[in-house]
Protein backbone atom coordinates (compact mmCIF):
# COMPACT_ATOMS: atom_id res chain seq x y z
CA MET A 1 0.00 0.14 0.01
CA LEU A 2 3.04 2.08 0.71
CA VAL A 3 4.05 1.57 -2.67
CA TYR A 4 0.90 3.08 -3.94
CA LEU A 5 0.75 6.10 -2.04
CA LEU A 6 4.21 7.32 -3.08
CA LEU A 7 3.82 6.34 -6.66
CA TRP A 8 0.60 8.36 -6.67
CA HIS A 9 2.36 11.26 -4.59
CA TRP A 10 5.07 11.46 -7.19
CA SER A 11 2.81 10.94 -10.08
CA LYS A 12 0.57 14.16 -8.84
CA ARG A 13 3.97 15.93 -8.10
CA ALA A 14 5.37 15.40 -11.78
CA LEU A 15 1.88 16.23 -13.42
CA SER A 16 2.29 19.40 -11.46
CA ILE A 17 5.39 20.42 -12.80
CA LEU A 18 4.82 19.65 -16.39
CA PHE A 19 1.57 21.90 -16.20
CA SER A 20 3.29 24.76 -14.21
CA CYS A 21 6.39 24.41 -17.00
CA TRP A 22 3.60 24.63 -19.60
CA LEU A 23 1.62 27.51 -18.08
CA ILE A 24 4.76 29.33 -17.77
CA THR A 25 5.56 29.11 -21.19
CA ILE A 26 2.69 29.98 -22.41
CA LEU A 27 2.79 33.31 -20.47
CA ILE A 28 6.55 33.76 -21.40
CA PHE A 29 5.72 33.61 -25.16
CA LYS A 30 2.43 35.77 -24.69
CA PHE A 31 4.58 38.65 -24.52
CA LEU A 32 8.08 37.41 -26.38
CA PRO A 33 8.59 36.38 -29.81
CA VAL A 34 8.89 32.67 -30.32
CA PRO A 35 12.63 31.65 -30.80
CA PHE A 36 11.67 28.99 -33.40
CA SER A 37 8.85 27.40 -35.79
CA MET A 38 7.95 23.81 -36.05
CA ILE A 39 9.54 23.97 -39.52
CA MET A 40 12.94 25.07 -38.35
CA LEU A 41 12.54 22.70 -35.66
CA GLU A 42 11.89 19.67 -37.94
CA ARG A 43 14.76 20.76 -40.21
CA LYS A 44 17.24 20.59 -37.63
CA ILE A 45 16.01 16.88 -36.57
CA ASN A 46 16.45 15.90 -40.03
CA ALA A 47 19.99 17.37 -40.09
CA TRP A 48 20.63 15.64 -37.07
CA LEU A 49 19.57 12.14 -37.98
CA SER A 50 21.44 12.72 -41.32
CA LEU A 51 24.56 13.35 -38.99
CA ASN A 52 24.91 17.13 -40.09
CA PHE A 53 25.30 18.85 -36.64
CA SER A 54 26.59 21.99 -38.82
CA TYR A 55 23.22 22.98 -39.72
CA THR A 56 21.97 26.50 -38.70
CA SER A 57 19.03 27.75 -39.35
CA ARG A 58 19.08 31.73 -40.12
CA SER A 59 16.50 34.54 -40.11
CA ALA A 60 16.27 38.09 -40.78
CA CYS A 61 13.99 40.93 -40.18
CA VAL A 62 13.26 42.71 -43.62
CA GLU A 63 10.88 45.91 -44.29
CA LEU A 64 7.20 45.35 -45.26
CA ASN A 65 7.92 46.98 -48.37
CA ALA A 66 10.47 44.03 -49.08
CA ILE A 67 8.06 41.19 -48.77
CA SER A 68 6.45 40.40 -52.31
CA PRO A 69 2.47 40.97 -51.90
CA ASN A 70 1.90 37.61 -52.39
CA MET A 71 2.99 36.50 -49.56
CA LEU A 72 1.49 38.87 -47.63
CA ILE A 73 -1.78 37.47 -49.17
CA ALA A 74 -0.65 33.82 -48.24
CA ALA A 75 0.02 34.72 -44.65
CA ILE A 76 -3.52 35.91 -44.28
CA ALA A 77 -5.15 33.19 -46.32
CA ALA A 78 -2.95 30.59 -44.15
CA GLU A 79 -5.20 31.71 -41.31
CA ASP A 80 -8.68 32.73 -43.28
CA GLN A 81 -9.32 30.63 -46.25
CA ASN A 82 -11.99 32.61 -47.26
CA PHE A 83 -9.90 35.56 -47.96
CA GLN A 84 -9.40 35.89 -51.15
CA ILE A 85 -13.23 34.89 -52.26
CA ILE A 86 -14.37 37.81 -49.75
CA GLY A 87 -11.35 40.13 -49.88
CA ASP A 88 -11.71 40.90 -46.07
CA LEU A 89 -11.03 39.61 -42.85
CA ILE A 90 -13.59 37.60 -40.74
CA PHE A 91 -14.00 38.30 -37.00
CA ARG A 92 -15.57 36.03 -34.85
CA GLN A 93 -17.09 36.54 -31.88
């Protein structure tokens, strides 16, 4: 019985630590930019799996007028698939 109580105690502690870390991460990235995207992570993992440990992802900030208008439309359309049809953003309540 003591083993089950210890296991239950440590399980609750581990879950509360995981939940706390998750919540802290959510709160931090609400105000700070996310340091990487999932595609960057995927490329890094693929490089490691192919034993290429020298891979580094790079990014640079550019002015808005340096971005293609098609890219801006694509970024909006990724969130709202009806953007090209309607021509306006749909705000849901």
